Protein backbone atom coordinates (compact mmCIF):
# COMPACT_ATOMS: atom_id res chain seq x y z
CA MET A 1 -22.26 16.12 -17.57
CA THR A 2 -19.85 19.35 -16.96
CA HIS A 3 -16.00 18.46 -17.65
CA SER A 4 -13.59 20.21 -15.79
CA GLN A 5 -10.23 22.10 -17.51
CA GLY A 6 -8.40 19.55 -18.93
CA ALA A 7 -10.13 16.41 -18.27
CA GLU A 8 -10.23 13.89 -20.98
CA VAL A 9 -13.45 12.18 -22.04
CA LEU A 10 -13.91 8.71 -22.98
CA HIS A 11 -15.99 7.69 -25.72
CA PRO A 12 -17.61 4.22 -25.03
CA GLY A 13 -16.04 1.72 -27.94
CA ALA A 14 -13.40 3.90 -28.87
CA ALA A 15 -9.75 2.65 -28.79
CA GLY A 16 -8.32 5.58 -27.51
CA THR A 17 -9.23 8.62 -25.38
CA TYR A 18 -9.01 12.58 -26.90
CA GLY A 19 -7.43 15.37 -24.62
CA PRO A 20 -8.83 18.79 -24.20
CA ALA A 21 -7.70 19.90 -27.73
CA GLY A 22 -8.92 16.79 -29.40
CA ARG A 23 -5.67 15.35 -29.61
CA ARG A 24 -6.09 11.31 -29.50
CA THR A 25 -3.88 9.50 -26.90
CA ARG A 26 -2.73 6.45 -26.26
CA ALA A 27 -5.19 3.25 -26.41
CA GLY A 28 -6.79 2.45 -22.78
CA HIS A 29 -5.61 5.74 -21.17
CA GLY A 30 -8.20 7.15 -18.83
CA HIS A 31 -10.54 4.49 -19.36
CA PRO A 32 -12.25 4.05 -15.94
CA TRP A 33 -12.14 0.19 -15.56
CA LEU A 34 -8.57 -0.08 -16.79
CA THR A 35 -7.92 2.62 -14.29
CA LEU A 36 -9.45 0.56 -11.49
CA VAL A 37 -7.06 -2.29 -12.34
CA ALA A 38 -4.18 0.20 -11.81
CA VAL A 39 -5.45 1.38 -8.72
CA ALA A 40 -6.37 -2.06 -7.32
CA LEU A 41 -2.81 -3.18 -7.84
CA GLY A 42 -1.49 -0.56 -5.79
CA VAL A 43 -3.91 -1.06 -2.97
CA MET A 44 -3.34 -4.80 -3.26
CA MET A 45 0.09 -4.34 -2.01
CA VAL A 46 -1.03 -2.49 1.16
CA GLY A 47 -3.56 -5.37 1.83
CA LEU A 48 -1.08 -7.77 1.45
CA ASP A 49 1.15 -6.01 4.06
CA ALA A 50 -1.29 -5.54 6.56
CA THR A 51 -1.77 -9.71 6.80
CA VAL A 52 1.56 -10.78 5.96
CA VAL A 53 2.64 -8.61 8.90
CA SER A 54 0.14 -10.10 11.55
CA ILE A 55 1.25 -13.71 10.22
CA ALA A 56 4.79 -12.65 10.55
CA ASN A 57 4.56 -11.05 13.81
CA PRO A 58 5.58 -14.32 16.06
CA ALA A 59 8.69 -15.03 13.69
CA ILE A 60 9.62 -11.47 14.40
CA ALA A 61 9.43 -11.50 17.81
CA LYS A 62 11.27 -14.63 17.94
CA ASP A 63 14.15 -13.81 15.73
CA LEU A 64 14.73 -10.21 16.89
CA GLY A 65 13.77 -10.95 20.54
CA ALA A 66 10.94 -8.12 20.56
CA ASP A 67 8.58 -8.42 23.55
CA LEU A 68 4.77 -7.09 23.23
CA SER A 69 5.69 -3.68 23.25
CA GLY A 70 8.21 -3.95 20.38
CA LEU A 71 5.82 -6.17 18.29
CA GLN A 72 3.04 -3.60 18.65
CA TRP A 73 5.76 -1.24 17.12
CA VAL A 74 6.24 -2.88 14.21
CA THR A 75 2.33 -2.11 13.58
CA ASN A 76 1.97 1.18 15.68
CA ALA A 77 5.36 2.68 13.95
CA TYR A 78 3.44 2.44 10.24
CA LEU A 79 -0.06 3.20 11.86
CA LEU A 80 1.27 6.40 13.34
CA THR A 81 3.01 7.75 10.21
CA LEU A 82 -0.06 7.06 7.95
CA ALA A 83 -2.30 8.74 10.62
CA VAL A 84 -0.06 11.98 10.61
CA THR A 85 0.41 12.19 6.95
CA LEU A 86 -2.75 10.91 5.11
CA ILE A 87 -4.69 14.28 5.01
CA PRO A 88 -1.85 16.19 3.77
CA ALA A 89 -0.96 13.41 1.38
CA GLY A 90 -4.31 13.90 -0.18
CA LYS A 91 -4.17 17.51 -0.12
CA ILE A 92 -0.65 16.90 -2.12
CA ALA A 93 -2.62 14.68 -4.57
CA ASP A 94 -5.13 17.14 -5.22
CA ARG A 95 -2.64 19.84 -5.80
CA PHE A 96 -0.07 18.36 -7.50
CA GLY A 97 -1.81 15.59 -9.44
CA ARG A 98 -3.18 12.33 -8.20
CA ARG A 99 -1.95 10.09 -10.67
CA ARG A 100 2.21 11.28 -9.95
CA THR A 101 1.03 11.12 -6.08
CA PHE A 102 -0.29 7.35 -6.55
CA LEU A 103 2.62 6.49 -8.56
CA ALA A 104 5.35 7.85 -6.10
CA GLY A 105 3.50 5.86 -3.29
CA VAL A 106 3.51 2.79 -5.41
CA ILE A 107 7.35 3.16 -5.85
CA GLY A 108 8.14 4.20 -1.98
CA PHE A 109 6.02 1.27 -0.53
CA ALA A 110 7.55 -1.20 -2.79
CA ILE A 111 11.31 -0.04 -1.94
CA ALA A 112 10.47 0.25 1.89
CA SER A 113 8.93 -3.42 1.79
CA VAL A 114 12.21 -4.71 0.23
CA LEU A 115 14.19 -2.79 2.79
CA ILE A 116 12.32 -4.26 5.81
CA GLY A 117 13.25 -7.74 4.56
CA LEU A 118 16.63 -6.67 4.48
CA SER A 119 16.80 -5.59 7.77
CA GLY A 120 19.14 -7.01 10.19
CA GLY A 121 17.41 -5.74 13.74
CA LEU A 122 13.99 -4.70 15.36
CA GLY A 123 15.08 -0.75 15.03
CA MET A 124 15.95 -1.06 11.34
CA VAL A 125 12.34 -2.70 10.75
CA ILE A 126 10.46 -0.35 12.42
CA PHE A 127 12.52 2.72 10.45
CA TRP A 128 11.42 1.23 7.25
CA ARG A 129 8.01 0.59 8.35
CA VAL A 130 7.70 4.54 9.20
CA VAL A 131 9.06 5.23 5.75
CA GLN A 132 6.53 2.25 4.32
CA GLY A 133 3.86 4.52 5.94
CA PHE A 134 4.88 7.79 4.41
CA ALA A 135 4.55 6.02 0.92
CA GLY A 136 0.96 4.46 1.97
CA ALA A 137 0.02 7.98 2.86
CA LEU A 138 0.83 9.02 -0.61
CA LEU A 139 -0.89 6.10 -2.26
CA GLN A 140 -4.10 5.41 -0.58
CA PRO A 141 -5.81 8.82 -0.65
CA ALA A 142 -4.73 9.33 -4.26
CA SER A 143 -6.31 5.87 -5.20
CA LEU A 144 -9.78 7.06 -3.90
CA ALA A 145 -9.38 10.31 -5.55
CA ILE A 146 -8.38 8.85 -8.80
CA LEU A 147 -11.37 6.50 -8.79
CA ARG A 148 -13.70 9.77 -7.50
CA ASN A 149 -12.39 11.69 -10.50
CA THR A 150 -12.76 8.78 -13.28
CA PHE A 151 -15.98 7.33 -12.46
CA PRO A 152 -19.49 9.00 -12.90
CA VAL A 153 -21.64 8.83 -9.71
CA ASP A 154 -23.88 6.08 -10.77
CA LYS A 155 -20.75 3.76 -11.32
CA LEU A 156 -18.75 4.82 -8.31
CA ASN A 157 -20.27 2.48 -5.89
CA ALA A 158 -19.59 -0.62 -8.06
CA ALA A 159 -16.09 0.98 -8.53
CA ILE A 160 -15.63 1.15 -4.75
CA GLY A 161 -17.10 -2.43 -4.13
CA ILE A 162 -14.43 -3.53 -6.70
CA TRP A 163 -11.70 -1.90 -5.32
CA GLY A 164 -12.42 -3.11 -1.62
CA ALA A 165 -12.78 -6.83 -2.93
CA THR A 166 -9.56 -6.45 -4.41
CA VAL A 167 -8.05 -5.30 -0.92
CA GLY A 168 -10.23 -8.57 0.21
CA ILE A 169 -8.21 -10.72 -2.41
CA SER A 170 -5.08 -9.46 -0.78
CA ILE A 171 -6.20 -9.87 2.88
CA ALA A 172 -7.41 -13.32 2.34
CA GLY A 173 -4.21 -14.65 0.30
CA GLY A 174 -1.76 -12.84 2.46
CA PRO A 175 -1.97 -15.32 5.77
CA ILE A 176 -1.64 -18.37 3.62
CA VAL A 177 1.41 -16.83 1.08
CA ALA A 178 3.13 -15.33 4.34
CA GLY A 179 2.59 -18.67 6.45
CA LEU A 180 4.10 -20.69 3.65
CA LEU A 181 7.20 -18.14 3.53
CA VAL A 182 7.59 -17.85 7.09
CA GLU A 183 8.03 -21.74 7.82
CA ASN A 184 9.61 -22.73 4.25
CA VAL A 185 12.12 -19.58 4.06
CA ASN A 186 11.83 -16.64 6.61
CA TRP A 187 9.88 -13.94 7.84
CA GLU A 188 12.14 -11.14 5.85
CA SER A 189 10.66 -13.08 2.43
CA VAL A 190 7.22 -12.15 3.16
CA PHE A 191 8.06 -8.34 2.55
CA PHE A 192 9.72 -8.86 -1.03
CA LEU A 193 6.05 -9.79 -2.15
CA ASN A 194 5.65 -5.86 -2.71
CA ALA A 195 8.39 -5.73 -5.14
CA PRO A 196 6.69 -7.38 -8.26
CA LEU A 197 3.20 -6.27 -7.19
CA GLY A 198 4.83 -2.80 -7.09
CA ALA A 199 6.72 -2.96 -10.39
CA LEU A 200 3.28 -4.00 -12.15
CA ALA A 201 1.22 -1.70 -10.35
CA LEU A 202 3.62 1.01 -11.64
CA ALA A 203 3.83 -0.49 -15.18
CA VAL A 204 -0.20 -0.04 -15.71
CA GLY A 205 -0.51 3.01 -13.92
CA LEU A 206 1.82 4.72 -16.23
CA TRP A 207 -0.02 3.64 -18.76
CA VAL A 208 -3.70 4.04 -17.97
CA ILE A 209 -4.23 6.39 -15.28
CA ARG A 210 -4.82 9.93 -16.18
CA GLU A 211 -3.78 13.11 -14.33
CA SER A 212 -6.22 14.80 -12.44
CA LYS A 213 -6.03 17.65 -9.92
CA ASP A 214 -7.66 20.36 -8.48
CA GLU A 215 -7.26 23.61 -10.74
CA SER A 216 -8.70 25.92 -8.41
CA ALA A 217 -6.08 25.09 -5.71
CA GLY A 218 -4.48 28.51 -4.35
CA GLY A 219 -0.72 29.52 -4.58
CA SER A 220 -0.09 28.60 -0.87
CA PHE A 221 0.10 25.18 0.56
CA ASP A 222 -1.40 25.76 4.18
CA LEU A 223 2.07 25.12 6.07
CA PRO A 224 0.83 26.13 9.45
CA GLY A 225 -2.10 24.11 9.03
CA VAL A 226 0.17 20.75 7.89
CA ALA A 227 2.15 21.50 10.98
CA LEU A 228 -0.71 21.82 13.34
CA LEU A 229 -2.77 18.84 12.04
CA THR A 230 0.34 16.71 11.79
CA GLY A 231 1.56 17.56 15.31
CA ALA A 232 -2.10 17.15 16.81
CA LEU A 233 -2.34 13.73 15.02
CA PHE A 234 1.18 12.80 16.18
CA ALA A 235 0.28 13.58 19.83
CA LEU A 236 -2.93 12.09 19.57
CA VAL A 237 -1.46 8.55 18.53
CA TRP A 238 1.39 8.79 20.48
CA GLY A 239 -0.41 9.00 23.40
CA LEU A 240 -2.55 6.33 22.42
CA ILE A 241 0.34 3.94 21.71
CA LYS A 242 2.28 4.91 24.98
CA ALA A 243 -1.09 4.14 26.88
CA GLY A 244 -1.12 0.77 25.57
CA GLU A 245 2.51 0.08 27.04
CA HIS A 246 1.76 2.18 30.46
CA GLY A 247 -1.63 2.74 30.72
CA PHE A 248 -3.98 5.70 30.31
CA GLY A 249 -3.08 7.14 33.63
CA ALA A 250 0.65 7.67 33.06
CA ALA A 251 2.34 10.63 32.74
CA VAL A 252 3.25 10.65 28.82
CA PRO A 253 -0.16 9.87 27.71
CA LEU A 254 -1.87 12.32 29.54
CA VAL A 255 0.64 15.19 28.32
CA SER A 256 0.16 14.05 24.77
CA PHE A 257 -3.64 13.90 24.81
CA ALA A 258 -3.35 17.49 26.58
CA ALA A 259 -1.07 18.44 23.58
CA ALA A 260 -3.51 16.77 21.11
CA ALA A 261 -6.47 18.68 22.41
CA VAL A 262 -4.34 22.23 22.13
CA LEU A 263 -3.25 21.64 18.45
CA PHE A 264 -6.50 20.63 17.27
CA ALA A 265 -8.05 23.72 18.84
CA ALA A 266 -5.02 25.88 17.35
CA PHE A 267 -5.79 23.71 13.92
CA VAL A 268 -9.25 24.91 14.17
CA ALA A 269 -8.65 28.44 14.46
CA VAL A 270 -6.28 28.69 11.83
CA GLU A 271 -8.13 26.73 9.39
CA SER A 272 -11.24 28.68 9.82
CA ARG A 273 -9.15 32.19 8.90
CA THR A 274 -7.05 30.34 6.06
CA ARG A 275 -7.85 31.36 2.50
CA ASP A 276 -7.02 27.88 1.08
CA PRO A 277 -7.12 25.43 3.99
CA LEU A 278 -5.61 22.08 4.48
CA LEU A 279 -8.86 20.57 5.81
CA PRO A 280 -11.65 22.65 4.84
CA LEU A 281 -13.73 22.93 7.99
CA ALA A 282 -17.04 23.10 5.56
CA LEU A 283 -16.58 19.52 4.70
CA PHE A 284 -17.80 18.58 8.38
CA ARG A 285 -21.39 20.56 7.97
CA SER A 286 -22.13 17.34 6.29
CA VAL A 287 -24.00 15.25 8.78
CA PRO A 288 -23.34 12.02 7.11
CA LEU A 289 -19.61 12.61 6.05
CA SER A 290 -19.03 13.47 10.05
CA ALA A 291 -20.91 10.36 11.22
CA ALA A 292 -19.30 8.13 8.57
CA THR A 293 -16.06 9.47 9.63
CA GLY A 294 -16.75 8.73 13.34
CA LEU A 295 -18.07 5.51 12.45
CA ILE A 296 -14.84 4.06 10.67
CA VAL A 297 -13.01 5.23 13.68
CA LEU A 298 -15.56 3.09 15.65
CA GLY A 299 -15.34 0.23 13.24
CA PHE A 300 -11.82 0.10 13.03
CA PHE A 301 -11.36 0.27 16.62
CA ALA A 302 -13.31 -3.16 17.05
CA MET A 303 -12.02 -5.11 14.13
CA PHE A 304 -8.57 -3.81 13.55
CA GLY A 305 -8.00 -4.41 17.68
CA THR A 306 -9.78 -7.96 17.53
CA ILE A 307 -7.62 -9.07 14.24
CA PHE A 308 -4.34 -8.62 16.07
CA PHE A 309 -5.20 -10.71 19.10
CA ILE A 310 -6.95 -13.63 17.27
CA THR A 311 -3.74 -13.90 15.29
CA LEU A 312 -1.95 -14.48 18.31
CA TYR A 313 -4.88 -16.73 19.97
CA LEU A 314 -4.34 -19.15 16.78
CA GLN A 315 -0.69 -19.26 16.84
CA GLN A 316 0.35 -18.94 20.34
CA VAL A 317 -2.51 -20.45 22.62
CA HIS A 318 -3.45 -23.27 19.74
CA GLY A 319 -0.29 -23.70 18.49
CA MET A 320 -1.23 -23.75 14.86
CA SER A 321 1.48 -22.75 12.29
CA PRO A 322 1.49 -19.60 10.44
CA VAL A 323 0.27 -21.58 7.49
CA ASP A 324 -2.57 -23.42 9.57
CA ALA A 325 -3.70 -20.23 10.98
CA GLY A 326 -3.92 -18.21 7.45
CA VAL A 327 -6.34 -21.27 6.36
CA ARG A 328 -8.10 -21.02 9.43
CA MET A 329 -8.76 -17.18 8.97
CA LEU A 330 -10.12 -17.77 5.29
CA PRO A 331 -13.56 -17.46 6.47
CA MET A 332 -12.86 -13.98 7.32
CA THR A 333 -10.71 -12.96 4.63
CA GLY A 334 -12.57 -14.71 2.04
CA VAL A 335 -15.76 -13.56 2.78
CA PHE A 336 -14.54 -10.11 2.88
CA ILE A 337 -13.86 -10.63 -1.06
CA VAL A 338 -17.67 -11.27 -1.46
CA ALA A 339 -18.90 -8.90 0.74
CA SER A 340 -17.08 -5.79 -0.89
CA PRO A 341 -19.17 -5.71 -4.37
CA VAL A 342 -22.18 -6.91 -2.34
CA ALA A 343 -21.79 -3.57 -0.23
CA GLY A 344 -21.09 -1.60 -3.10
CA ALA A 345 -24.43 -3.20 -4.87
CA LEU A 346 -26.09 -2.68 -1.37
CA THR A 347 -25.21 0.93 -1.12
CA SER A 348 -25.93 1.38 -4.86
CA ARG A 349 -29.71 0.51 -4.38
CA PHE A 350 -30.10 1.53 -0.59
CA GLY A 351 -27.39 4.20 0.17
CA PRO A 352 -24.75 3.51 2.60
CA ARG A 353 -26.81 3.67 5.93
CA LEU A 354 -28.20 0.17 5.60
CA PRO A 355 -24.83 -1.70 5.16
CA LEU A 356 -23.24 0.26 7.47
CA ALA A 357 -25.65 -0.46 10.43
CA LEU A 358 -25.60 -3.95 9.20
CA GLY A 359 -21.82 -4.03 9.51
CA MET A 360 -21.74 -2.91 12.82
CA ALA A 361 -24.59 -5.43 13.88
CA PHE A 362 -22.20 -8.20 12.43
CA THR A 363 -19.40 -6.82 14.40
CA SER A 364 -20.97 -6.57 17.60
CA ALA A 365 -22.34 -10.00 17.52
CA ALA A 366 -18.92 -11.61 16.32
CA MET A 367 -17.07 -9.85 19.42
CA PHE A 368 -19.75 -10.82 21.71
CA GLY A 369 -19.38 -14.43 20.45
CA LEU A 370 -15.82 -14.66 20.51
CA SER A 371 -15.78 -13.28 23.80
CA ARG A 372 -17.10 -16.64 25.12
CA ILE A 373 -14.48 -18.87 23.71
CA GLY A 374 -12.05 -20.63 25.82
CA VAL A 375 -8.52 -21.80 25.53
CA ASP A 376 -9.24 -25.15 23.70
CA ALA A 377 -12.16 -24.14 21.88
CA PRO A 378 -12.79 -26.20 18.69
CA TYR A 379 -12.72 -24.59 15.19
CA VAL A 380 -16.44 -24.78 14.91
CA GLN A 381 -17.05 -22.54 17.59
CA LEU A 382 -14.50 -19.76 15.81
CA TRP A 383 -15.51 -20.06 11.86
CA PRO A 384 -19.01 -18.80 12.28
CA TRP A 385 -17.45 -15.56 14.08
CA PHE A 386 -15.02 -15.06 11.54
CA VAL A 387 -17.72 -15.17 8.70
CA LEU A 388 -19.41 -12.45 10.29
CA VAL A 389 -16.35 -10.33 11.05
CA GLY A 390 -15.59 -10.65 7.24
CA LEU A 391 -18.91 -9.57 6.05
CA ALA A 392 -19.06 -6.67 8.45
CA PHE A 393 -15.54 -5.85 7.19
CA GLY A 394 -16.73 -5.36 3.43
CA LEU A 395 -19.93 -3.53 4.13
CA VAL A 396 -18.30 -1.14 6.79
CA ILE A 397 -15.34 -0.33 4.45
CA VAL A 398 -16.95 -0.09 1.32
CA ALA A 399 -20.15 1.78 2.61
CA GLY A 400 -17.96 4.36 4.88
CA THR A 401 -15.59 5.02 2.01
CA GLU A 402 -18.57 5.93 0.05
CA ALA A 403 -20.37 7.81 2.50
CA ILE A 404 -17.25 9.91 3.01
CA VAL A 405 -15.81 10.34 -0.44
CA GLY A 406 -19.40 10.80 -1.95
CA ASN A 407 -20.48 13.44 0.45
CA ALA A 408 -17.25 15.64 -0.40
CA PRO A 409 -16.68 18.07 -3.42
CA ALA A 410 -15.00 15.82 -6.60
CA HIS A 411 -12.21 18.49 -6.36
CA LEU A 412 -11.40 17.43 -2.57
CA ALA A 413 -11.49 13.87 -3.45
CA GLY A 414 -7.89 13.81 -2.13
CA VAL A 415 -8.56 15.17 1.01
CA ALA A 416 -11.83 13.20 1.61
CA GLY A 417 -9.61 10.01 0.74
CA GLY A 418 -7.21 10.85 3.29
CA LEU A 419 -9.84 11.87 5.80
CA GLN A 420 -11.22 8.43 5.47
CA GLN A 421 -8.18 6.61 5.34
CA THR A 422 -7.01 8.60 8.64
CA ALA A 423 -10.08 7.75 10.50
CA SER A 424 -9.34 4.01 9.82
CA GLN A 425 -5.82 4.22 10.88
CA VAL A 426 -6.78 5.95 14.11
CA GLY A 427 -9.32 3.77 14.81
CA GLY A 428 -6.88 0.80 14.13
CA VAL A 429 -4.35 2.48 16.72
CA LEU A 430 -7.22 3.25 19.29
CA GLY A 431 -8.33 -0.35 19.12
CA THR A 432 -4.84 -2.01 19.79
CA SER A 433 -3.94 0.14 22.13
CA VAL A 434 -7.02 0.33 24.33
CA LEU A 435 -7.64 -3.11 23.97
CA GLY A 436 -4.29 -3.85 24.58
CA VAL A 437 -4.12 -1.96 27.79
CA LEU A 438 -7.10 -3.85 28.85
CA MET A 439 -5.91 -7.10 27.84
CA SER A 440 -2.26 -6.45 29.61
CA THR A 441 -4.51 -4.98 32.70
CA LYS A 442 -6.39 -8.18 33.10
CA VAL A 443 -3.46 -10.47 32.41
CA GLY A 444 -1.87 -8.73 35.07
CA ASN A 445 -4.64 -9.05 37.72
CA VAL A 446 -5.06 -12.66 37.03
CA LEU A 447 -1.93 -14.17 36.11
CA VAL A 448 -0.95 -15.29 39.72
CA GLU A 449 -4.22 -16.74 40.77
CA ARG A 450 -4.24 -18.66 37.22
CA LEU A 451 -1.19 -20.33 37.68
CA THR A 452 -1.51 -21.11 41.28
CA GLY A 453 -4.97 -22.51 40.34
CA ALA A 454 -3.27 -24.55 37.24
CA GLY A 455 -0.85 -26.33 40.08
CA VAL A 456 2.27 -23.74 40.00
CA PRO A 457 3.27 -23.30 43.85
CA GLY A 458 2.66 -19.69 45.18
CA PRO A 459 6.26 -18.57 45.03
CA ALA A 460 6.76 -19.83 41.57
CA ALA A 461 3.69 -18.16 40.54
CA GLU A 462 4.85 -14.85 42.04
CA ALA A 463 8.28 -14.93 40.55
CA LEU A 464 6.35 -15.37 37.11
CA SER A 465 4.14 -12.40 37.97
CA GLY A 466 6.53 -9.82 35.77
CA GLN A 467 6.04 -12.02 32.81
CA ASP A 468 2.73 -10.62 31.89
CA GLY A 469 3.81 -8.91 29.05
CA LEU A 470 4.92 -12.23 27.25
CA VAL A 471 1.14 -13.81 28.53
CA SER A 472 -0.37 -10.84 27.19
CA GLN A 473 1.27 -12.46 23.75
CA GLY A 474 -0.37 -16.01 24.53
CA VAL A 475 3.40 -17.34 25.45
CA ALA A 476 3.76 -19.51 28.29
CA PRO A 477 6.75 -18.03 30.13
CA VAL A 478 8.41 -21.92 30.86
CA PRO A 479 12.07 -21.03 32.64
CA PRO A 480 14.46 -23.32 30.95
CA GLY A 481 14.84 -26.78 32.56
CA THR A 482 11.38 -26.81 33.76
CA PRO A 483 10.28 -30.47 34.69
CA ALA A 484 7.39 -31.38 32.00
CA SER A 485 4.63 -31.12 34.86
CA ALA A 486 5.51 -28.04 35.87
CA ALA A 487 5.68 -26.57 32.31
CA ARG A 488 2.26 -28.07 31.54
CA ALA A 489 0.53 -26.50 34.77
CA ILE A 490 2.92 -23.00 33.82
CA THR A 491 1.24 -23.24 29.96
CA GLU A 492 -2.12 -23.72 31.48
CA GLY A 493 -2.40 -21.10 33.91
CA SER A 494 -0.68 -18.54 31.23
CA HIS A 495 -3.17 -19.70 28.75
CA GLN A 496 -6.34 -19.27 30.87
CA ALA A 497 -4.74 -15.50 32.04
CA PHE A 498 -4.23 -14.62 28.34
CA MET A 499 -7.87 -16.02 27.44
CA ASP A 500 -9.34 -13.93 30.24
CA GLY A 501 -7.91 -10.64 28.96
CA PHE A 502 -8.71 -11.80 25.33
CA GLN A 503 -12.50 -11.93 26.47
CA SER A 504 -12.45 -8.74 28.41
CA ALA A 505 -11.11 -7.08 25.39
CA LEU A 506 -13.45 -8.59 23.05
CA THR A 507 -16.29 -7.75 25.20
CA VAL A 508 -15.52 -4.05 25.05
CA ALA A 509 -14.95 -4.21 21.42
CA GLY A 510 -18.50 -5.53 20.84
CA ALA A 511 -19.83 -2.73 22.89
CA VAL A 512 -18.10 0.01 20.98
CA ALA A 513 -19.45 -1.61 17.38
CA LEU A 514 -23.04 -1.52 19.19
CA VAL A 515 -22.80 2.09 19.79
CA ALA A 516 -21.66 2.52 16.05
CA ILE A 517 -24.94 1.40 14.84
CA LEU A 518 -26.13 4.75 16.10
CA ALA A 519 -23.88 6.56 14.02
CA ALA A 520 -24.87 4.65 10.92
CA LEU A 521 -28.50 6.00 11.21
CA LEU A 522 -27.02 9.46 10.35
CA VAL A 523 -25.31 8.48 7.34
CA ARG A 524 -27.30 9.09 3.82
CA ARG A 525 -25.89 8.77 0.05
CA GLY A 526 -23.18 11.01 -1.30
CA GLU A 527 -24.85 13.01 -4.36
CA THR A 528 -22.22 15.64 -5.09
CA PRO A 529 -21.52 15.42 -9.00
CA VAL A 530 -18.35 14.55 -9.99
CA GLU A 531 -16.63 16.83 -12.28
CA GLY A 532 -14.26 15.57 -15.14
CA ALA A 533 -15.09 11.79 -14.83
CA ALA A 534 -14.73 9.85 -17.84
CA VAL A 535 -18.32 8.64 -19.30
CA ALA A 536 -18.17 4.83 -18.17
C-alpha cells in the first residue's frame, strides 16, 4: 500500500506507532480501532443532541412560550448553520488537519451545549444553537475524513458501520435520558449531557488520533467559492424554512429560491475555473457519488420530518410523558444500533446498492403504514412501523455514507464528509419545512369542520380557527375556564385535525421514499484507494 507523505504506519501487535523518520510514538497513537473510539465519542454528542432536543421541544415551547415557528427554529437554526458550513469545514479539515479540526469541533459543541442550558430565553437558545451548528460542522466531516484516512478499503465499511451504531446508541438512549431529566429536573439539563462526553472525546482524541491532511492543497483557500456556496445554501435553506412558516407561494421563499439558483450558478462558474476549488466539480462525474448524495437528501427528507411529527403525536395527542415517549420510540432508535453494523456488513458483501434500496423501501412502507393510524391508535399499530424506520435509518446512513466517502479520492475525504453531511442536513430541513407546510395547510383547511363535527358550536369553532399553529403541534387550544364538555369537544376536534395533517404529510414522505429507490439503483461500491491508511 502506498503511504502519503508524513503518514504513520501501525504495525500489528506493536505497542505504539512509528512516524516518518522511524521515531517511536506513544502507545495507541494512530491505531485504527482506538481512533474509531475517539471519533465515536465525538459523534455521540451529535446523536444525543438530536434526540434530546426532540424530547425537550414540548417543554421548551411551554416554558419559553414558543409557537410552532419558534419551536422549529430551535431545530432549524442548528440545521441552517450546519448546511451552510459543512463543506467549507470539510475543506478546512483537509487543508489544516483533520485531527485539530475534529477536536476544535468537540470543544465548541460541548461549550455551546452548556450555554444553551444556561440560556434564559428562546432567542439565546436559538443563538447558541447557531454556535453549536458551527462546531458540529467542524466535527462531523472531520470524523468521517479521519476514518477514511485511517482504515484501509477492506475495513472502511465495518468502521463506518460501527460509527453508525454509535450514533444509534446515542439516539436510542437520548429520549429516555432526556425524558428523565425533563420530568425530574428541567429541559435545560438535557444540554449539559454533552459536557462530560465532550471532555472524554477530547482526552481520548488528543491521545490516539493521528493528524492527516491534504498535502497537495494549494496556497489559496478559494474564498469566492466559500462565499458563493455559503450564500447559495443559506438562501436555499432560509427559503425552505420560511416556506414552512408562510407557504411556498410567499414572497420571501420565492426570492430566496431565486437567489439560491443565481448563487449556485455563479458557484459552478467560479469553481470550474479555480485552480484549487472548494468543491471540485469533478467529484460529481461519479454517478454513484451523485446518486448517493441525492438519495441521502430524499431519505432524510422522509425520515427527519417524520420523526419530528411522531414526537409531537406521542406527547401531545397521546398525552405521554417525555420518558414514556422515549421508551415507546425504542423500537425505532434501538433497532438503529443493530441496523448500522448489519448495513456495514451488507455493504462490504454486496456494495451499497442493496442496503440503500432496502432502506428506502422500508422507509416508504413505514411512512404509508403510519399515515393510516388514528388519534387513539394502540401502540401495537405503531411499533412495527417504528422498527422499519430504525432499520431504514441504519441502512441508508451507513451505505449512503460509504457510497459518497468511498467514491471520493482519499485526499478529499473532508470535502466528501462535508458533502454527505450537507445532503443530510438539507434533506432534514427540506422534510421539516415541506411536511410542515403540508401539515399546517391541511390543519387550517379542516380545523373548523373538525371542531364543529366534534360538537363545538360554529361561532366558537370560527373563533378558534386562528389557532391552527397550536393545533399543528398537537395542542388543543382550550381557552381558560372552558366547561369540561366543551373542552373535550375542542380537544377531540383539534386532535382529529392534527391527524389529518399528520396523515397527509406522511403520505407524501412515503411517496418521496418510493422515488428514492430509483436513485439507489445507480449507486455502486467505492473503489478509491486509501492513501496513508494504517494497516488494521
